[in-house]
Amino acid sequence: MAGNTSTLQDFLEQEWPEWKDDDFARAHFKAFTGQKQDWEERMNFWKDAILKVTRHLNLLIIDTEDVQQKWFLRDGFVPLGLKHVLVEMNNSGELETVDQFLGTPRSAVEMITTLLRQALTWAGLGAQSDQYSETEPHLEGRLVVRSALQERAALFIKSVRENHLSPVCIMTSARIKELCGGAENAELIIGYLLLQKKAVFVTLDGDDNVEGFKLSLNDKQVSAVSENDRHLLQLQWTLEMLQIRLNTVESKIAATKTELIRVAKAGDRRDALRRLRNMKLLQASRDQCAGFMDKIEQVLGVIADAETSKKVSDAIRVGTAAIKDNHVSIEDVHSCLDELDEAITVQRETEDALGAQISGTEEDNTLFEEELAALEKELSVEEEIANLPEVPKTEVIHKPPVENAEPEDVEEDAELEKEFAKLALELA
């Protein structure tokens, strides 16, 4: 906490160089008294300060107690009247309680009142009082910062848009939580997008565990949920579940390999072979899981390509109509395209000429590095083989035959023996 406070103090001094000045403190830390013109400028200063610190701390919800007692602490003193600033911001709609934004009304009257208040505050029509009130105002402990939420929602949509060509995206709730930095942030951001009609809830019929949202990535409102949207959600959810399983199997493989090396170093050959067999089964499961994921990603890629083709087709149709409306000839179009191709060709030749020398040097260095690494590896293997002790031939000659062994088991054991021999070389 001390580190965070120090960082915040540095931010305050950087944002307001006069922060340590005593005259500045006397002018801004005093209580609100009198008429509006006596404290309006100071009120606006602290509103702006609260919003700037909120962005600096990357918050969507502020703790009003921290704002009053910790954020603007200076030489053991805090500004007087910050509670009234927060109340004023709450009344004007700049701040909202979590319950006001996400809560469910308990009655029809409360629902109408809540919706009316939200419509007024989010439209910026909340009223401010001209007279400073001497009565102690009521203030909730946690408040949502509207401007920070709007900015975060815009950044969220922008980040999603960068990875999607389509103007609409289907995304699972788990993925949204991951991108938003937690469940509470995701709930607020999606709640804001729902109010703006930029998102709509999607779930699979009869399966409450599979849920997500359809997001509009452009300025238009999101369309209604279709059956294809549900199929896409199912594919996205399945892909994420397979990724979780793949991560789990990878962890088990790593743990098994660690135990295998430990047992092999201890000289327990039978236990080492058993663990090696188990690791092979895990690797087969991993490969199968990765194969399923590849198939799903191929399906999603085909869907994305189909959407892109549709956009290209629509663009061609619109372009053709525009050509006809503006009486542009086909010869003019071809002439413009030829000029564009020539410009692109010249630009590419220039870029290739500028990057040829650098890229050639990098490729040569890469080849030298690869050859050097291969040579070092070869020398290391030869040295390890030379230092290996001789294996007694009697053990191989007088090895008792395996009774009732199937040909497949013999081949599998032989493969395991080869793997174990490789492991022994690595451990030597």
Protein backbone atom coordinates (compact mmCIF):
# COMPACT_ATOMS: atom_id res chain seq x y z
CA MET A 1 0.00 0.00 0.00
CA ALA A 2 2.89 2.33 0.78
CA GLY A 3 4.30 1.78 -2.70
CA ASN A 4 0.95 2.58 -4.31
CA THR A 5 0.63 5.73 -2.20
CA SER A 6 4.11 6.85 -3.23
CA THR A 7 3.31 6.25 -6.90
CA LEU A 8 0.06 8.20 -6.55
CA GLN A 9 1.85 11.10 -4.90
CA ASP A 10 4.33 11.18 -7.78
CA PHE A 11 1.41 11.30 -10.22
CA LEU A 12 -0.23 14.17 -8.33
CA GLU A 13 3.00 16.18 -8.32
CA GLN A 14 3.50 15.50 -12.01
CA GLU A 15 -0.08 16.44 -12.89
CA TRP A 16 -0.08 19.55 -10.66
CA PRO A 17 3.49 20.86 -10.18
CA GLU A 18 2.21 23.25 -7.50
CA TRP A 19 0.84 20.34 -5.42
CA LYS A 20 3.47 20.83 -2.66
CA ASP A 21 2.92 24.58 -2.54
CA ASP A 22 1.28 25.75 0.70
CA ASP A 23 -0.75 28.48 -1.02
CA PHE A 24 -2.15 25.87 -3.40
CA ALA A 25 -3.13 23.67 -0.47
CA ARG A 26 -4.84 26.50 1.41
CA ALA A 27 -6.84 27.44 -1.69
CA HIS A 28 -7.98 23.93 -2.59
CA PHE A 29 -8.10 21.98 0.69
CA LYS A 30 -10.53 24.27 2.53
CA ALA A 31 -14.20 23.39 3.08
CA PHE A 32 -17.07 24.41 0.78
CA THR A 33 -19.04 27.33 2.17
CA GLY A 34 -21.44 29.99 0.90
CA GLN A 35 -22.94 30.36 -2.55
CA LYS A 36 -22.12 28.38 -5.70
CA GLN A 37 -19.82 31.05 -7.13
CA ASP A 38 -17.69 30.75 -3.98
CA TRP A 39 -16.86 27.06 -4.48
CA GLU A 40 -17.79 26.15 -8.07
CA GLU A 41 -14.22 26.43 -9.40
CA ARG A 42 -12.88 24.32 -6.52
CA MET A 43 -15.65 21.76 -7.05
CA ASN A 44 -14.71 21.42 -10.73
CA PHE A 45 -11.04 21.06 -9.80
CA TRP A 46 -11.71 18.12 -7.48
CA LYS A 47 -14.08 16.50 -9.98
CA ASP A 48 -11.35 16.61 -12.59
CA ALA A 49 -8.77 15.36 -10.07
CA ILE A 50 -10.94 12.38 -9.11
CA LEU A 51 -11.43 11.41 -12.75
CA LYS A 52 -7.71 11.74 -13.54
CA VAL A 53 -6.67 9.59 -10.59
CA THR A 54 -9.32 7.03 -11.53
CA ARG A 55 -7.80 6.70 -15.00
CA HIS A 56 -4.28 6.62 -13.55
CA LEU A 57 -5.24 3.71 -11.27
CA ASN A 58 -7.09 2.01 -14.15
CA LEU A 59 -10.31 1.70 -12.12
CA LEU A 60 -13.96 1.40 -13.07
CA ILE A 61 -15.28 1.40 -9.50
CA ILE A 62 -13.90 3.73 -6.85
CA ASP A 63 -13.97 3.27 -3.09
CA THR A 64 -15.33 6.56 -1.73
CA GLU A 65 -13.53 6.08 1.58
CA ASP A 66 -10.19 5.75 -0.20
CA VAL A 67 -10.95 8.85 -2.28
CA GLN A 68 -11.62 10.91 0.83
CA GLN A 69 -8.87 9.59 3.11
CA LYS A 70 -6.00 8.29 0.92
CA TRP A 71 -5.97 9.58 -2.64
CA PHE A 72 -5.18 13.25 -1.95
CA LEU A 73 -3.40 12.94 1.40
CA ARG A 74 -0.81 15.74 1.77
CA ASP A 75 1.45 16.07 4.81
CA GLY A 76 -1.13 14.28 6.95
CA PHE A 77 -4.05 16.44 5.77
CA VAL A 78 -6.89 15.60 3.36
CA PRO A 79 -9.11 18.03 1.41
CA LEU A 80 -12.30 19.06 3.18
CA GLY A 81 -15.58 18.56 1.37
CA LEU A 82 -14.57 15.67 -0.89
CA LYS A 83 -17.68 13.82 0.24
CA HIS A 84 -19.84 16.62 -1.16
CA VAL A 85 -17.88 16.48 -4.43
CA LEU A 86 -18.62 12.77 -4.74
CA VAL A 87 -22.29 13.32 -3.91
CA GLU A 88 -22.51 16.07 -6.53
CA MET A 89 -20.92 13.77 -9.11
CA ASN A 90 -23.37 11.04 -8.16
CA ASN A 91 -26.32 13.41 -8.53
CA SER A 92 -25.11 14.61 -11.94
CA GLY A 93 -24.66 11.06 -13.23
CA GLU A 94 -20.85 11.15 -13.43
CA LEU A 95 -20.82 8.49 -10.72
CA GLU A 96 -23.36 5.74 -10.15
CA THR A 97 -23.73 3.12 -7.47
CA VAL A 98 -23.14 -0.47 -8.51
CA ASP A 99 -26.73 -1.29 -7.54
CA GLN A 100 -28.06 1.54 -9.70
CA PHE A 101 -26.15 0.22 -12.67
CA LEU A 102 -26.40 -3.55 -12.18
CA GLY A 103 -29.07 -4.01 -9.51
CA THR A 104 -32.50 -5.53 -10.14
CA PRO A 105 -35.46 -3.41 -8.93
CA ARG A 106 -37.73 -5.09 -6.42
CA SER A 107 -41.03 -3.67 -7.69
CA ALA A 108 -42.64 -2.15 -10.78
CA VAL A 109 -42.57 1.35 -9.25
CA GLU A 110 -38.90 0.97 -8.34
CA MET A 111 -38.17 -0.31 -11.86
CA ILE A 112 -39.79 2.76 -13.47
CA THR A 113 -37.96 5.08 -11.07
CA THR A 114 -34.61 3.41 -11.70
CA LEU A 115 -35.01 3.44 -15.48
CA LEU A 116 -36.07 7.10 -15.43
CA ARG A 117 -33.12 8.08 -13.26
CA GLN A 118 -30.68 6.14 -15.43
CA ALA A 119 -32.07 7.76 -18.58
CA LEU A 120 -31.60 11.23 -17.07
CA THR A 121 -28.17 10.67 -15.56
CA TRP A 122 -26.66 8.87 -18.54
CA ALA A 123 -27.99 11.66 -20.78
CA GLY A 124 -26.23 14.22 -18.56
CA LEU A 125 -29.44 15.88 -17.40
CA GLY A 126 -28.85 15.53 -13.66
CA ALA A 127 -29.23 18.81 -11.80
CA GLN A 128 -26.71 20.50 -9.50
CA SER A 129 -27.69 22.64 -6.56
CA ASP A 130 -26.60 26.29 -6.40
CA GLN A 131 -26.54 26.33 -2.60
CA TYR A 132 -24.01 24.43 -0.52
CA SER A 133 -25.84 22.12 1.87
CA GLU A 134 -24.74 22.00 5.51
CA THR A 135 -26.51 18.68 6.07
CA GLU A 136 -24.46 15.48 5.94
CA PRO A 137 -25.16 13.85 2.54
CA HIS A 138 -25.55 10.10 2.08
CA LEU A 139 -22.84 8.41 0.03
CA GLU A 140 -22.47 4.79 -1.02
CA GLY A 141 -19.18 3.02 -0.44
CA ARG A 142 -18.50 2.03 -4.06
CA LEU A 143 -19.34 4.07 -7.15
CA VAL A 144 -19.02 3.36 -10.88
CA VAL A 145 -17.17 6.05 -12.85
CA ARG A 146 -19.24 6.58 -16.00
CA SER A 147 -16.55 8.19 -18.18
CA ALA A 148 -13.98 5.52 -17.27
CA LEU A 149 -16.51 2.81 -18.08
CA GLN A 150 -17.30 4.39 -21.46
CA GLU A 151 -13.59 4.59 -22.32
CA ARG A 152 -12.93 1.00 -21.20
CA ALA A 153 -15.88 -0.29 -23.22
CA ALA A 154 -14.58 1.51 -26.32
CA LEU A 155 -11.11 0.02 -25.80
CA PHE A 156 -12.63 -3.44 -25.35
CA ILE A 157 -14.55 -3.18 -28.63
CA LYS A 158 -11.43 -1.85 -30.38
CA SER A 159 -9.28 -4.76 -29.17
CA VAL A 160 -11.90 -7.29 -30.30
CA ARG A 161 -12.30 -5.56 -33.67
CA GLU A 162 -8.56 -5.84 -34.36
CA ASN A 163 -8.85 -9.65 -34.40
CA HIS A 164 -12.14 -9.94 -36.30
CA LEU A 165 -12.93 -8.98 -39.87
CA SER A 166 -16.65 -9.30 -39.36
CA PRO A 167 -18.63 -6.38 -37.89
CA VAL A 168 -20.25 -8.84 -35.47
CA CYS A 169 -18.53 -11.16 -33.02
CA ILE A 170 -19.71 -14.07 -30.87
CA MET A 171 -17.72 -14.45 -27.66
CA THR A 172 -18.11 -16.64 -24.58
CA SER A 173 -18.55 -15.09 -21.15
CA ALA A 174 -15.29 -16.66 -19.97
CA ARG A 175 -13.34 -15.05 -22.80
CA ILE A 176 -14.94 -11.66 -22.11
CA LYS A 177 -13.95 -11.91 -18.43
CA GLU A 178 -10.39 -12.66 -19.47
CA LEU A 179 -10.19 -9.67 -21.83
CA CYS A 180 -11.84 -7.28 -19.35
CA GLY A 181 -9.56 -8.21 -16.46
CA GLY A 182 -12.05 -9.92 -14.17
CA ALA A 183 -15.69 -10.78 -13.62
CA GLU A 184 -16.73 -7.43 -12.12
CA ASN A 185 -15.14 -5.36 -14.90
CA ALA A 186 -16.69 -7.66 -17.51
CA GLU A 187 -20.11 -7.31 -15.89
CA LEU A 188 -19.87 -3.52 -15.98
CA ILE A 189 -18.55 -3.31 -19.55
CA ILE A 190 -21.12 -5.76 -20.91
CA GLY A 191 -23.83 -3.99 -18.92
CA TYR A 192 -22.88 -0.71 -20.57
CA LEU A 193 -22.84 -2.33 -24.04
CA LEU A 194 -26.25 -3.86 -23.37
CA LEU A 195 -27.63 -0.42 -22.51
CA GLN A 196 -26.13 0.93 -25.75
CA LYS A 197 -27.64 -2.01 -27.70
CA LYS A 198 -24.13 -3.02 -28.77
CA ALA A 199 -24.41 -6.45 -27.15
CA VAL A 200 -27.04 -9.15 -26.72
CA PHE A 201 -27.00 -12.25 -24.52
CA VAL A 202 -26.60 -15.62 -26.25
CA THR A 203 -27.13 -19.04 -24.68
CA LEU A 204 -27.70 -22.57 -25.90
CA ASP A 205 -31.13 -24.10 -25.49
CA GLY A 206 -31.18 -26.43 -22.51
CA ASP A 207 -27.59 -25.71 -21.47
CA ASP A 208 -27.17 -22.84 -19.03
CA ASN A 209 -23.42 -23.45 -18.73
CA VAL A 210 -22.77 -22.33 -22.31
CA GLU A 211 -23.38 -18.60 -22.50
CA GLY A 212 -21.87 -15.61 -24.19
CA PHE A 213 -22.64 -12.39 -26.03
CA LYS A 214 -23.09 -11.20 -29.57
CA LEU A 215 -21.17 -7.94 -29.98
CA SER A 216 -21.46 -5.20 -32.57
CA LEU A 217 -17.98 -4.02 -33.56
CA ASN A 218 -19.11 -0.97 -35.56
CA ASP A 219 -21.43 1.97 -34.95
CA LYS A 220 -24.58 -0.03 -35.66
CA GLN A 221 -26.76 -1.73 -33.07
CA VAL A 222 -26.36 -5.47 -32.71
CA SER A 223 -28.88 -7.65 -34.53
CA ALA A 224 -31.07 -10.31 -32.94
CA VAL A 225 -29.62 -13.71 -32.06
CA SER A 226 -29.89 -16.30 -34.83
CA GLU A 227 -29.44 -20.06 -34.85
CA ASN A 228 -26.07 -19.60 -36.56
CA ASP A 229 -24.98 -17.41 -33.64
CA ARG A 230 -25.75 -20.26 -31.24
CA HIS A 231 -23.73 -22.68 -33.38
CA LEU A 232 -20.80 -20.27 -33.33
CA LEU A 233 -21.07 -19.96 -29.56
CA GLN A 234 -21.01 -23.76 -29.27
CA LEU A 235 -17.84 -23.92 -31.39
CA GLN A 236 -16.14 -21.15 -29.41
CA TRP A 237 -17.05 -22.77 -26.09
CA THR A 238 -15.84 -26.20 -27.25
CA LEU A 239 -12.55 -24.70 -28.44
CA GLU A 240 -11.98 -23.05 -25.07
CA MET A 241 -12.77 -26.27 -23.19
CA LEU A 242 -10.31 -28.17 -25.38
CA GLN A 243 -7.67 -25.52 -24.70
CA ILE A 244 -8.19 -25.97 -20.95
CA ARG A 245 -7.87 -29.74 -21.34
CA LEU A 246 -4.75 -29.32 -23.48
CA ASN A 247 -3.14 -27.11 -20.83
CA THR A 248 -3.95 -29.71 -18.16
CA VAL A 249 -2.45 -32.55 -20.19
CA GLU A 250 0.66 -30.49 -20.93
CA SER A 251 1.12 -29.90 -17.20
CA LYS A 252 0.76 -33.62 -16.49
CA ILE A 253 3.30 -34.45 -19.20
CA ALA A 254 5.80 -32.02 -17.70
CA ALA A 255 5.27 -33.42 -14.20
CA THR A 256 5.55 -37.01 -15.44
CA LYS A 257 8.77 -36.23 -17.29
CA THR A 258 10.25 -34.67 -14.16
CA GLU A 259 9.41 -37.78 -12.13
CA LEU A 260 10.72 -39.99 -14.92
CA ILE A 261 14.11 -38.26 -14.85
CA ARG A 262 14.24 -38.49 -11.06
CA VAL A 263 13.43 -42.21 -11.05
CA ALA A 264 15.87 -42.92 -13.90
CA LYS A 265 18.68 -41.18 -12.02
CA ALA A 266 17.83 -43.28 -8.97
CA GLY A 267 18.32 -46.42 -11.06
CA ASP A 268 14.76 -47.79 -10.78
CA ARG A 269 14.43 -49.11 -14.32
CA ARG A 270 11.02 -50.77 -13.88
CA ASP A 271 9.40 -47.64 -12.43
CA ALA A 272 11.06 -45.50 -15.12
CA LEU A 273 9.60 -47.66 -17.90
CA ARG A 274 6.15 -47.46 -16.27
CA ARG A 275 6.33 -43.68 -16.12
CA LEU A 276 7.59 -43.53 -19.69
CA ARG A 277 4.59 -45.59 -20.80
CA ASN A 278 2.26 -43.21 -18.93
CA MET A 279 3.93 -40.20 -20.56
CA LYS A 280 3.39 -41.74 -24.00
CA LEU A 281 -0.33 -42.13 -23.25
CA LEU A 282 -0.53 -38.50 -22.14
CA GLN A 283 1.25 -37.37 -25.29
CA ALA A 284 -1.23 -39.33 -27.41
CA SER A 285 -4.10 -37.63 -25.56
CA ARG A 286 -2.47 -34.25 -26.14
CA ASP A 287 -2.11 -34.90 -29.86
CA GLN A 288 -5.75 -36.00 -30.09
CA CYS A 289 -6.91 -32.87 -28.28
CA ALA A 290 -4.77 -30.66 -30.53
CA GLY A 291 -6.24 -32.39 -33.57
CA PHE A 292 -9.79 -31.62 -32.43
CA MET A 293 -8.81 -27.99 -31.89
CA ASP A 294 -7.32 -27.76 -35.38
CA LYS A 295 -10.57 -29.05 -36.90
CA ILE A 296 -12.68 -26.51 -34.98
CA GLU A 297 -10.32 -23.68 -35.93
CA GLN A 298 -10.58 -24.75 -39.57
CA VAL A 299 -14.38 -24.58 -39.35
CA LEU A 300 -14.20 -21.13 -37.76
CA GLY A 301 -11.76 -20.07 -40.48
CA VAL A 302 -14.14 -21.24 -43.20
CA ILE A 303 -16.95 -19.25 -41.56
CA ALA A 304 -14.74 -16.14 -41.36
CA ASP A 305 -13.73 -16.54 -45.02
CA ALA A 306 -17.38 -16.85 -46.01
CA GLU A 307 -18.20 -13.63 -44.14
CA THR A 308 -15.25 -11.89 -45.82
CA SER A 309 -16.38 -13.11 -49.24
CA LYS A 310 -19.85 -11.76 -48.53
CA LYS A 311 -18.38 -8.37 -47.60
CA VAL A 312 -16.31 -8.33 -50.81
CA SER A 313 -19.38 -9.26 -52.84
CA ASP A 314 -21.39 -6.48 -51.20
CA ALA A 315 -18.56 -4.01 -51.85
CA ILE A 316 -18.43 -5.01 -55.53
CA ARG A 317 -22.18 -4.61 -55.81
CA VAL A 318 -22.08 -1.16 -54.19
CA GLY A 319 -19.10 -0.16 -56.35
CA THR A 320 -20.85 -1.24 -59.53
CA ALA A 321 -23.92 0.76 -58.60
CA ALA A 322 -21.76 3.81 -57.85
CA ILE A 323 -20.02 3.52 -61.24
CA LYS A 324 -23.36 3.46 -63.01
CA ASP A 325 -24.78 6.34 -60.99
CA ASN A 326 -21.74 8.54 -61.67
CA HIS A 327 -21.50 7.57 -65.37
CA VAL A 328 -17.92 6.31 -65.04
CA SER A 329 -16.68 4.19 -67.95
CA ILE A 330 -14.96 0.83 -67.61
CA GLU A 331 -11.87 2.30 -69.32
CA ASP A 332 -11.57 4.93 -66.58
CA VAL A 333 -11.77 2.23 -63.90
CA HIS A 334 -9.04 0.13 -65.55
CA SER A 335 -6.84 3.19 -65.94
CA CYS A 336 -7.13 4.00 -62.22
CA LEU A 337 -6.37 0.37 -61.31
CA ASP A 338 -3.27 0.34 -63.54
CA GLU A 339 -1.97 3.52 -61.91
CA LEU A 340 -2.58 2.03 -58.47
CA ASP A 341 -0.71 -1.17 -59.40
CA GLU A 342 2.25 0.85 -60.65
CA ALA A 343 2.37 2.88 -57.43
CA ILE A 344 2.23 -0.29 -55.31
CA THR A 345 5.00 -1.91 -57.39
CA VAL A 346 7.30 1.11 -56.98
CA GLN A 347 6.65 1.17 -53.24
CA ARG A 348 7.44 -2.53 -52.86
CA GLU A 349 10.65 -2.22 -54.90
CA THR A 350 11.77 0.65 -52.70
CA GLU A 351 11.03 -1.30 -49.51
CA ASP A 352 12.83 -4.38 -50.85
CA ALA A 353 15.89 -2.32 -51.79
CA LEU A 354 16.04 -0.72 -48.34
CA GLY A 355 15.63 -4.02 -46.49
CA ALA A 356 17.72 -6.31 -48.71
CA GLN A 357 21.07 -5.69 -47.03
CA ILE A 358 19.72 -5.99 -43.50
CA SER A 359 17.64 -9.09 -44.17
CA GLY A 360 20.55 -10.77 -45.99
CA THR A 361 22.84 -10.21 -43.02
CA GLU A 362 20.23 -11.57 -40.62
CA GLU A 363 19.73 -14.69 -42.75
CA ASP A 364 23.49 -15.35 -42.90
CA ASN A 365 23.79 -14.95 -39.13
CA THR A 366 20.86 -17.30 -38.62
CA LEU A 367 22.46 -19.98 -40.82
CA PHE A 368 25.77 -19.67 -38.98
CA GLU A 369 24.01 -19.93 -35.62
CA GLU A 370 22.13 -23.06 -36.72
CA GLU A 371 25.30 -24.74 -38.02
CA LEU A 372 27.20 -23.86 -34.85
CA ALA A 373 24.41 -25.22 -32.65
CA ALA A 374 24.27 -28.46 -34.66
CA LEU A 375 28.05 -28.89 -34.40
CA GLU A 376 28.03 -28.27 -30.65
CA LYS A 377 25.22 -30.77 -30.20
CA GLU A 378 27.06 -33.40 -32.26
CA LEU A 379 30.27 -32.94 -30.25
CA SER A 380 28.32 -33.11 -27.00
CA VAL A 381 26.66 -36.40 -28.00
CA GLU A 382 29.99 -37.92 -29.06
CA GLU A 383 31.56 -36.92 -25.76
CA GLU A 384 28.67 -38.41 -23.78
CA ILE A 385 28.87 -41.69 -25.73
CA ALA A 386 32.62 -41.89 -25.16
CA ASN A 387 32.18 -41.45 -21.42
CA LEU A 388 29.45 -44.08 -21.09
CA PRO A 389 30.47 -47.28 -19.19
CA GLU A 390 30.49 -50.53 -21.09
CA VAL A 391 27.32 -52.58 -20.77
CA PRO A 392 27.96 -56.18 -19.57
CA LYS A 393 27.22 -58.54 -22.42
CA THR A 394 26.13 -61.31 -20.08
CA GLU A 395 22.93 -59.47 -19.21
CA VAL A 396 21.93 -59.33 -22.85
CA ILE A 397 22.92 -62.92 -23.66
CA HIS A 398 21.27 -64.55 -20.65
CA LYS A 399 18.18 -62.33 -20.54
CA PRO A 400 15.24 -64.63 -19.70
CA PRO A 401 12.54 -64.80 -22.38
CA VAL A 402 9.16 -63.25 -21.70
CA GLU A 403 6.54 -65.94 -21.39
CA ASN A 404 3.18 -65.60 -23.12
CA ALA A 405 4.19 -62.25 -24.62
CA GLU A 406 2.20 -60.99 -27.54
CA PRO A 407 4.10 -59.64 -30.59
CA GLU A 408 2.55 -56.20 -30.08
CA ASP A 409 3.74 -56.09 -26.44
CA VAL A 410 7.26 -57.10 -27.49
CA GLU A 411 7.35 -54.32 -30.08
CA GLU A 412 6.00 -51.79 -27.59
CA ASP A 413 8.55 -52.83 -24.96
CA ALA A 414 11.29 -52.52 -27.56
CA GLU A 415 10.15 -49.00 -28.37
CA LEU A 416 10.11 -48.14 -24.67
CA GLU A 417 13.61 -49.60 -24.31
CA LYS A 418 14.78 -47.32 -27.11
CA GLU A 419 13.15 -44.32 -25.45
CA PHE A 420 14.74 -45.26 -22.16
CA ALA A 421 18.15 -45.59 -23.83
CA LYS A 422 17.76 -42.08 -25.25
CA LEU A 423 16.83 -40.82 -21.80
CA ALA A 424 19.92 -42.49 -20.33
CA LEU A 425 22.07 -40.65 -22.86
CA GLU A 426 20.48 -37.36 -21.86
CA LEU A 427 21.08 -38.03 -18.17
CA ALA A 428 24.67 -39.23 -18.59
